[in-house]
Protein backbone atom coordinates (compact mmCIF):
# COMPACT_ATOMS: atom_id res chain seq x y z
CA MET A 1 2.84 -3.30 20.61
CA LYS A 2 3.76 -6.13 22.89
CA TRP A 3 6.39 -8.53 21.54
CA SER A 4 4.15 -11.50 22.32
CA VAL A 5 1.74 -10.28 19.62
CA ILE A 6 4.33 -10.50 16.81
CA PRO A 7 4.16 -14.31 16.31
CA THR A 8 0.38 -13.98 15.96
CA LEU A 9 0.83 -11.32 13.28
CA PHE A 10 3.10 -13.60 11.28
CA LEU A 11 0.52 -16.38 11.51
CA LEU A 12 -2.20 -14.05 10.24
CA LEU A 13 -0.20 -12.75 7.25
CA PRO A 14 -0.99 -15.73 5.00
CA MET A 15 -4.70 -15.22 5.72
CA ALA A 16 -4.38 -11.53 4.86
CA THR A 17 -2.76 -12.45 1.55
CA ALA A 18 -5.59 -14.83 0.76
CA ASN A 19 -8.14 -12.16 1.62
CA ALA A 20 -6.37 -9.58 -0.55
CA THR A 21 -6.72 -11.76 -3.62
CA ASN A 22 -10.18 -13.17 -2.83
CA THR A 23 -12.01 -10.06 -1.66
CA ARG A 24 -15.51 -9.68 -3.07
CA TYR A 25 -16.45 -6.22 -4.27
CA PRO A 26 -17.92 -3.81 -3.51
CA VAL A 27 -16.37 -3.69 -0.04
CA THR A 28 -16.86 -1.00 2.59
CA VAL A 29 -14.06 -0.18 5.02
CA ASP A 30 -13.58 2.34 7.81
CA ASN A 31 -11.61 5.33 6.55
CA CYS A 32 -10.70 7.49 9.56
CA GLY A 33 -14.16 7.11 11.04
CA SER A 34 -16.09 7.39 7.79
CA PRO A 35 -17.24 4.52 5.60
CA LEU A 36 -15.48 4.16 2.25
CA THR A 37 -16.88 1.82 -0.39
CA ILE A 38 -14.46 0.42 -2.94
CA GLU A 39 -16.50 -0.70 -5.94
CA LYS A 40 -13.94 -2.93 -7.67
CA ARG A 41 -10.46 -4.38 -7.14
CA PRO A 42 -7.84 -1.68 -7.76
CA THR A 43 -5.64 -2.36 -10.78
CA ARG A 44 -3.52 0.82 -10.76
CA ALA A 45 -2.60 1.36 -7.12
CA VAL A 46 -0.12 3.81 -5.62
CA PHE A 47 1.21 3.27 -2.10
CA HIS A 48 2.66 6.05 0.06
CA ASP A 49 5.48 5.52 2.55
CA ILE A 50 7.87 2.64 2.95
CA ASN A 51 5.70 0.89 5.56
CA MET A 52 2.54 0.93 3.43
CA THR A 53 4.57 -0.24 0.44
CA ASP A 54 6.08 -3.09 2.49
CA MET A 55 2.54 -4.17 3.38
CA ALA A 56 1.60 -4.14 -0.31
CA PHE A 57 4.65 -6.28 -1.08
CA SER A 58 3.70 -8.71 1.70
CA LEU A 59 0.27 -9.04 0.12
CA GLY A 60 1.81 -9.68 -3.30
CA LEU A 61 0.22 -6.62 -4.90
CA GLN A 62 3.15 -5.60 -7.15
CA LYS A 63 1.25 -6.51 -10.34
CA SER A 64 -1.46 -4.00 -9.38
CA MET A 65 0.95 -1.19 -8.47
CA VAL A 66 1.75 1.70 -10.82
CA GLY A 67 3.80 3.72 -8.37
CA VAL A 68 4.97 4.52 -4.88
CA THR A 69 5.51 7.83 -3.14
CA GLY A 70 7.19 9.15 -0.02
CA ILE A 71 10.16 6.84 0.12
CA THR A 72 13.51 8.31 -0.95
CA GLY A 73 12.65 11.68 0.56
CA TRP A 74 12.81 10.13 4.03
CA TYR A 75 14.26 6.63 3.80
CA LYS A 76 17.12 4.67 2.35
CA MET A 77 15.86 1.63 0.44
CA SER A 78 17.37 -1.72 1.35
CA PRO A 79 18.50 -4.03 -1.45
CA SER A 80 15.61 -6.39 -0.67
CA PHE A 81 13.11 -3.51 -0.86
CA GLN A 82 14.60 -2.38 -4.18
CA GLN A 83 14.31 -5.92 -5.51
CA LEU A 84 10.63 -6.12 -4.53
CA LEU A 85 10.03 -2.67 -6.01
CA GLY A 86 11.46 -3.78 -9.34
CA ASN A 87 10.33 -1.43 -12.11
CA ILE A 88 7.57 0.23 -10.10
CA PRO A 89 8.40 3.96 -10.26
CA GLU A 90 8.57 6.37 -7.36
CA LEU A 91 6.22 9.16 -8.40
CA ALA A 92 7.38 11.60 -5.70
CA PRO A 93 10.16 11.39 -3.08
CA LYS A 94 7.87 12.86 -0.41
CA TYR A 95 4.25 13.89 -0.99
CA PRO A 96 2.66 13.35 -4.42
CA SER A 97 0.70 16.07 -6.12
CA LEU A 98 -2.78 15.35 -7.39
CA GLU A 99 -1.39 15.87 -10.89
CA LYS A 100 1.16 13.05 -10.39
CA LEU A 101 -1.55 10.64 -9.26
CA ILE A 102 -3.78 11.59 -12.20
CA ALA A 103 -0.87 11.24 -14.64
CA ALA A 104 -0.25 7.70 -13.32
CA GLN A 105 -3.95 6.96 -13.87
CA ALA A 106 -4.11 5.64 -10.30
CA ASP A 107 -7.41 4.11 -9.27
CA PHE A 108 -6.34 3.64 -5.65
CA PHE A 109 -4.00 5.64 -3.36
CA PHE A 110 -3.15 4.08 -0.01
CA ALA A 111 -1.54 6.19 2.70
CA ALA A 112 -1.69 6.24 6.47
CA GLY A 113 -1.82 9.27 8.63
CA THR A 114 -2.12 10.36 12.19
CA THR A 115 -4.66 12.55 13.87
CA ALA A 116 -3.85 15.24 16.35
């Protein structure tokens, strides 16, 4: 990423926050090359990895979060991250099992990956 793009990203963040709270459902998004339709706004979301969780915090989604995964197994949380996390539990220090996600009654799991 070029450094000249960063100011633009900060200008777009408020618009992303507005879109996160005003999205009309159902909405279809690209999911690794396949369409994924989300029928209603998630109310019990789990975010994987510190970067994805930071994005959720930036969008003000804490009230809709029931857990995070993949943080303490790889990262050290900063005091500001811990403050934003509040009482949201870490369900798994690395990868969550399907059983953990079901036990949390998650209706949305957000993770990013890479392709080879």
